[in-house]
Amino acid sequence: MSTAKKEYKRVTVKSLVDMKKNGEKISMLTAYDYSMAKIVDAANVDVILVGDSASNVMAGHETTLPITLDQMIYHASSVIRAVERALVVVDIPFGSYQSDPKEALRSAIRIMKESGAHAVKLEGGIEIKESVKRILNAGIPVMGHLGLTPQSIYKFGTYTVRAKEDQEADKLLEDAKLLEKLGCFAIVLEKIPATLTKKVSESISIPTIGIGAGKHADGQVLVIHDLLGMTHEFNPRFLRRYMNLYEEMGQAISHYVTDVKSRDFPSDEEQY
């Protein structure tokens, strides 16, 4: 299979399907604000996820559940203003789609109209079938999410690896095929065995994006704060830190405090 990389001036949902066909891996990162999104987009990341993980890394909540639809739209709007190339996908937050397909559609429409996002992401399989259908019928692209679904954390009671048992693995595979059949353009697979990721990825024609799901996914996603080492207490096996900004930023800020206290900052050259 070819691994030649094609240059995309603007990544679309079709681009991702083409990448899978051409054997090109898909890069995906989160962003929640204008400044970070500007940097991520300029680095040629294919997909920017405005994740409900903003509830954790931006607001300090223990889970993703507290973040609201209004807050997600605020973060998505900030990201959209910065992006020129990447496809921007926005999580529909907990409580905004599970109870009623009509509510799911209203939530998706609000995200698209008020933020300018390119697509939405929902967690779940057959349980949210009707919601996915309504959103897709309205012409809104949908990314699925299977495996560990953080919005269901209190149901599972743990963030451990999902689908290790045959029954759950079989259901995940069937859910993936269902999401493809409904018309989803891609599926995030979170914290599942690598062998299952390989099986799912080979069984469907739409891309899989893995997080803690091994190397056989068609792409990978990480939370930007984790990748850059801004969060220092979160250390799962799947996370590769490319920087240690927690320490570097702390040192820089301490240096600034010292310079202010010692009257070294501002200098004569740094004033008008």
Protein backbone atom coordinates (compact mmCIF):
# COMPACT_ATOMS: atom_id res chain seq x y z
CA MET A 1 0.00 0.00 0.00
CA SER A 2 1.27 3.47 -0.87
CA THR A 3 2.45 5.72 1.95
CA ALA A 4 3.04 8.80 -0.20
CA LYS A 5 1.92 11.94 1.57
CA LYS A 6 -0.41 14.26 -0.30
CA GLU A 7 -0.46 17.96 0.47
CA TYR A 8 -3.87 19.21 1.57
CA LYS A 9 -4.50 22.96 1.59
CA ARG A 10 -7.71 22.26 3.49
CA VAL A 11 -8.44 18.94 5.15
CA THR A 12 -12.03 17.68 4.73
CA VAL A 13 -13.88 14.54 5.76
CA LYS A 14 -13.16 13.18 2.27
CA SER A 15 -9.46 13.87 2.78
CA LEU A 16 -9.42 11.52 5.76
CA VAL A 17 -11.04 8.70 3.81
CA ASP A 18 -8.51 9.28 1.01
CA MET A 19 -5.66 9.15 3.54
CA LYS A 20 -6.82 5.73 4.72
CA LYS A 21 -7.08 4.47 1.13
CA ASN A 22 -3.56 5.76 0.40
CA GLY A 23 -2.07 4.32 3.57
CA GLU A 24 -1.27 7.76 5.04
CA LYS A 25 -1.64 8.00 8.80
CA ILE A 26 -3.90 10.75 10.17
CA SER A 27 -2.65 13.16 12.85
CA MET A 28 -5.16 14.59 15.32
CA LEU A 29 -4.68 16.79 18.39
CA THR A 30 -6.93 18.72 20.72
CA ALA A 31 -7.05 22.51 21.01
CA TYR A 32 -9.39 24.70 23.00
CA ASP A 33 -8.30 28.30 22.34
CA TYR A 34 -7.13 30.59 19.53
CA SER A 35 -3.42 30.75 20.38
CA MET A 36 -2.93 27.00 20.76
CA ALA A 37 -5.04 26.22 17.69
CA LYS A 38 -2.92 28.63 15.62
CA ILE A 39 0.24 26.73 16.56
CA VAL A 40 -1.32 23.28 16.04
CA ASP A 41 -2.75 24.21 12.65
CA ALA A 42 0.54 25.72 11.45
CA ALA A 43 2.26 22.42 12.30
CA ASN A 44 0.06 20.68 9.69
CA VAL A 45 -1.99 18.56 12.07
CA ASP A 46 -4.80 17.04 10.00
CA VAL A 47 -7.63 17.19 12.53
CA ILE A 48 -8.15 19.45 15.52
CA LEU A 49 -10.53 18.10 18.12
CA VAL A 50 -12.23 20.61 20.36
CA GLY A 51 -12.70 17.92 22.96
CA ASP A 52 -14.88 17.86 26.03
CA SER A 53 -11.52 17.16 27.71
CA ALA A 54 -11.54 20.96 28.04
CA SER A 55 -13.57 20.16 31.14
CA ASN A 56 -10.42 18.58 32.61
CA VAL A 57 -7.46 20.55 31.26
CA MET A 58 -9.05 24.00 30.94
CA ALA A 59 -11.55 24.03 33.82
CA GLY A 60 -10.01 21.55 36.27
CA HIS A 61 -12.96 19.19 36.56
CA GLU A 62 -12.36 15.55 37.46
CA THR A 63 -14.45 14.30 34.51
CA THR A 64 -15.72 15.56 31.15
CA LEU A 65 -19.34 15.58 32.37
CA PRO A 66 -19.65 19.15 33.74
CA ILE A 67 -18.80 21.07 30.54
CA THR A 68 -21.85 22.63 28.87
CA LEU A 69 -22.90 23.07 25.26
CA ASP A 70 -22.42 26.84 25.55
CA GLN A 71 -18.89 26.33 26.83
CA MET A 72 -18.06 23.90 24.02
CA ILE A 73 -19.33 26.43 21.47
CA TYR A 74 -17.14 29.12 23.07
CA HIS A 75 -14.02 26.94 22.81
CA ALA A 76 -14.87 25.82 19.27
CA SER A 77 -15.42 29.41 18.11
CA SER A 78 -11.99 30.38 19.45
CA VAL A 79 -10.34 27.48 17.62
CA ILE A 80 -12.14 28.07 14.32
CA ARG A 81 -10.88 31.67 14.16
CA ALA A 82 -7.31 30.37 14.19
CA VAL A 83 -7.53 27.48 11.73
CA GLU A 84 -6.72 27.62 8.02
CA ARG A 85 -5.95 23.98 7.14
CA ALA A 86 -7.15 21.42 9.69
CA LEU A 87 -10.57 19.80 9.92
CA VAL A 88 -12.16 20.97 13.18
CA VAL A 89 -14.30 18.42 15.02
CA VAL A 90 -16.25 19.34 18.16
CA ASP A 91 -17.45 17.03 20.91
CA ILE A 92 -21.14 17.25 21.70
CA PRO A 93 -21.00 17.31 25.51
CA PHE A 94 -22.68 14.97 27.95
CA GLY A 95 -26.41 15.57 28.34
CA SER A 96 -26.77 17.27 24.96
CA TYR A 97 -27.65 14.25 22.82
CA GLN A 98 -28.23 11.07 24.85
CA SER A 99 -31.85 11.51 25.87
CA ASP A 100 -33.54 12.58 22.65
CA PRO A 101 -32.49 12.50 18.96
CA LYS A 102 -34.24 15.85 18.45
CA GLU A 103 -32.13 17.38 21.20
CA ALA A 104 -29.04 15.81 19.63
CA LEU A 105 -29.83 17.49 16.33
CA ARG A 106 -30.47 20.85 18.01
CA SER A 107 -27.12 20.59 19.81
CA ALA A 108 -25.25 19.71 16.62
CA ILE A 109 -26.90 22.56 14.71
CA ARG A 110 -25.97 25.04 17.43
CA ILE A 111 -22.34 23.91 17.33
CA MET A 112 -22.15 24.20 13.55
CA LYS A 113 -24.00 27.55 13.28
CA GLU A 114 -22.54 29.33 16.28
CA SER A 115 -18.92 28.14 16.10
CA GLY A 116 -18.38 27.44 12.40
CA ALA A 117 -17.08 23.94 13.15
CA HIS A 118 -16.73 21.35 10.39
CA ALA A 119 -18.05 18.24 12.19
CA VAL A 120 -19.23 16.88 15.52
CA LYS A 121 -18.26 13.83 17.59
CA LEU A 122 -20.53 11.60 19.67
CA GLU A 123 -19.72 8.73 22.03
CA GLY A 124 -21.45 5.38 21.66
CA GLY A 125 -22.75 2.84 19.18
CA ILE A 126 -26.23 1.38 18.71
CA GLU A 127 -27.44 3.29 21.78
CA ILE A 128 -27.16 6.60 19.90
CA LYS A 129 -28.16 5.28 16.48
CA GLU A 130 -31.19 7.56 16.08
CA SER A 131 -29.26 10.64 17.16
CA VAL A 132 -26.50 9.92 14.64
CA LYS A 133 -29.06 9.40 11.88
CA ARG A 134 -30.83 12.70 12.58
CA ILE A 135 -27.59 14.67 12.64
CA LEU A 136 -26.32 13.07 9.44
CA ASN A 137 -29.67 13.61 7.71
CA ALA A 138 -29.24 17.31 8.43
CA GLY A 139 -25.97 17.29 6.48
CA ILE A 140 -23.68 17.50 9.50
CA PRO A 141 -20.60 15.22 9.41
CA VAL A 142 -20.30 12.89 12.40
CA MET A 143 -17.23 11.25 13.94
CA GLY A 144 -17.95 8.28 16.19
CA HIS A 145 -16.21 7.29 19.43
CA LEU A 146 -16.04 3.73 20.80
CA GLY A 147 -14.13 1.85 23.49
CA LEU A 148 -13.49 3.87 26.60
CA THR A 149 -16.13 6.60 26.44
CA PRO A 150 -15.32 9.17 29.15
CA GLN A 151 -18.88 10.53 29.26
CA SER A 152 -19.91 7.09 30.59
CA ILE A 153 -17.23 6.98 33.29
CA TYR A 154 -19.70 6.53 36.13
CA LYS A 155 -21.28 3.60 34.30
CA PHE A 156 -17.91 1.85 33.88
CA GLY A 157 -16.48 3.10 37.18
CA THR A 158 -12.92 3.09 35.84
CA TYR A 159 -10.70 4.39 33.03
CA THR A 160 -9.21 0.94 32.43
CA VAL A 161 -8.83 -0.70 29.00
CA ARG A 162 -12.16 -1.64 27.40
CA ALA A 163 -13.24 -4.58 25.21
CA LYS A 164 -10.73 -7.12 26.54
CA GLU A 165 -13.50 -9.72 26.80
CA ASP A 166 -14.96 -11.31 23.67
CA GLN A 167 -18.53 -10.11 24.24
CA GLU A 168 -17.58 -6.45 24.56
CA ALA A 169 -15.10 -6.73 21.70
CA ASP A 170 -17.76 -8.25 19.43
CA LYS A 171 -20.18 -5.44 20.30
CA LEU A 172 -17.54 -2.80 19.60
CA LEU A 173 -16.88 -4.28 16.17
CA GLU A 174 -20.60 -4.37 15.38
CA ASP A 175 -20.99 -0.78 16.60
CA ALA A 176 -18.12 0.31 14.35
CA LYS A 177 -19.76 -1.34 11.34
CA LEU A 178 -23.08 0.28 12.27
CA LEU A 179 -21.52 3.76 12.53
CA GLU A 180 -19.92 3.26 9.12
CA LYS A 181 -23.24 2.12 7.65
CA LEU A 182 -25.05 5.13 9.11
CA GLY A 183 -22.56 7.44 7.40
CA CYS A 184 -19.96 8.47 10.01
CA PHE A 185 -16.72 9.59 8.36
CA ALA A 186 -14.35 8.30 11.08
CA ILE A 187 -14.31 6.64 14.50
CA VAL A 188 -12.14 7.31 17.55
CA LEU A 189 -11.10 4.10 19.32
CA GLU A 190 -10.03 4.77 22.90
CA LYS A 191 -8.13 2.42 25.20
CA ILE A 192 -8.83 -0.93 23.57
CA PRO A 193 -6.44 -3.82 22.78
CA ALA A 194 -4.23 -3.25 19.72
CA THR A 195 -5.40 -6.53 18.19
CA LEU A 196 -9.01 -5.35 18.29
CA THR A 197 -8.04 -2.01 16.76
CA LYS A 198 -6.43 -3.91 13.88
CA LYS A 199 -9.55 -6.01 13.37
CA VAL A 200 -11.86 -2.98 13.41
CA SER A 201 -9.62 -0.93 11.12
CA GLU A 202 -9.49 -3.73 8.57
CA SER A 203 -13.25 -4.35 8.78
CA ILE A 204 -14.43 -0.85 7.88
CA SER A 205 -13.58 1.57 5.07
CA ILE A 206 -13.70 4.74 7.18
CA PRO A 207 -10.65 5.80 9.23
CA THR A 208 -10.08 4.82 12.84
CA ILE A 209 -8.29 7.28 15.13
CA GLY A 210 -6.65 5.66 18.12
CA ILE A 211 -5.82 6.88 21.61
CA GLY A 212 -4.30 4.16 23.72
CA ALA A 213 -5.43 1.73 21.02
CA GLY A 214 -2.13 0.74 19.43
CA LYS A 215 -0.40 1.29 16.11
CA HIS A 216 -2.97 -0.35 13.83
CA ALA A 217 -5.40 2.58 13.86
CA ASP A 218 -5.48 4.75 10.75
CA GLY A 219 -4.52 7.77 12.84
CA GLN A 220 -3.66 8.90 16.35
CA VAL A 221 -4.99 11.57 18.71
CA LEU A 222 -3.60 13.02 21.94
CA VAL A 223 -4.58 15.85 24.24
CA ILE A 224 -2.24 18.74 23.44
CA HIS A 225 -1.59 19.54 27.12
CA ASP A 226 -0.44 15.95 27.67
CA LEU A 227 1.78 15.88 24.58
CA LEU A 228 3.51 19.10 25.62
CA GLY A 229 3.92 18.03 29.24
CA MET A 230 1.77 20.82 30.63
CA THR A 231 -0.08 18.19 32.66
CA HIS A 232 2.42 16.30 34.82
CA GLU A 233 0.25 14.00 36.97
CA PHE A 234 -1.35 12.09 34.06
CA ASN A 235 0.98 9.28 32.95
CA PRO A 236 -0.82 6.51 31.04
CA ARG A 237 1.19 3.97 29.07
CA PHE A 238 -0.01 5.32 25.71
CA LEU A 239 1.16 8.90 26.29
CA ARG A 240 4.40 10.09 24.70
CA ARG A 241 5.47 13.50 26.02
CA TYR A 242 7.31 15.56 23.43
CA MET A 243 8.15 18.38 25.87
CA ASN A 244 8.10 19.07 29.60
CA LEU A 245 6.44 22.47 29.59
CA TYR A 246 5.26 22.11 33.19
CA GLU A 247 8.85 22.43 34.41
CA GLU A 248 10.02 24.84 31.70
CA MET A 249 7.10 27.23 32.21
CA GLY A 250 7.48 27.04 35.97
CA GLN A 251 11.17 27.94 35.70
CA ALA A 252 10.44 30.84 33.35
CA ILE A 253 7.74 32.25 35.63
CA SER A 254 9.97 31.88 38.71
CA HIS A 255 12.72 33.71 36.81
CA TYR A 256 10.26 36.53 36.03
CA VAL A 257 9.21 36.80 39.68
CA THR A 258 12.86 36.98 40.74
CA ASP A 259 13.59 39.72 38.16
CA VAL A 260 10.61 41.79 39.32
CA LYS A 261 11.48 41.45 43.00
CA SER A 262 15.12 42.36 42.34
CA ARG A 263 14.13 45.34 40.17
CA ASP A 264 15.98 43.80 37.22
CA PHE A 265 12.77 43.87 35.13
CA PRO A 266 12.00 46.12 33.40
CA SER A 267 15.41 47.44 32.38
CA ASP A 268 16.07 50.86 30.89
CA GLU A 269 15.76 49.32 27.43
CA GLU A 270 12.35 47.86 28.29
CA GLN A 271 10.60 51.11 29.10
CA TYR A 272 9.36 54.12 27.13
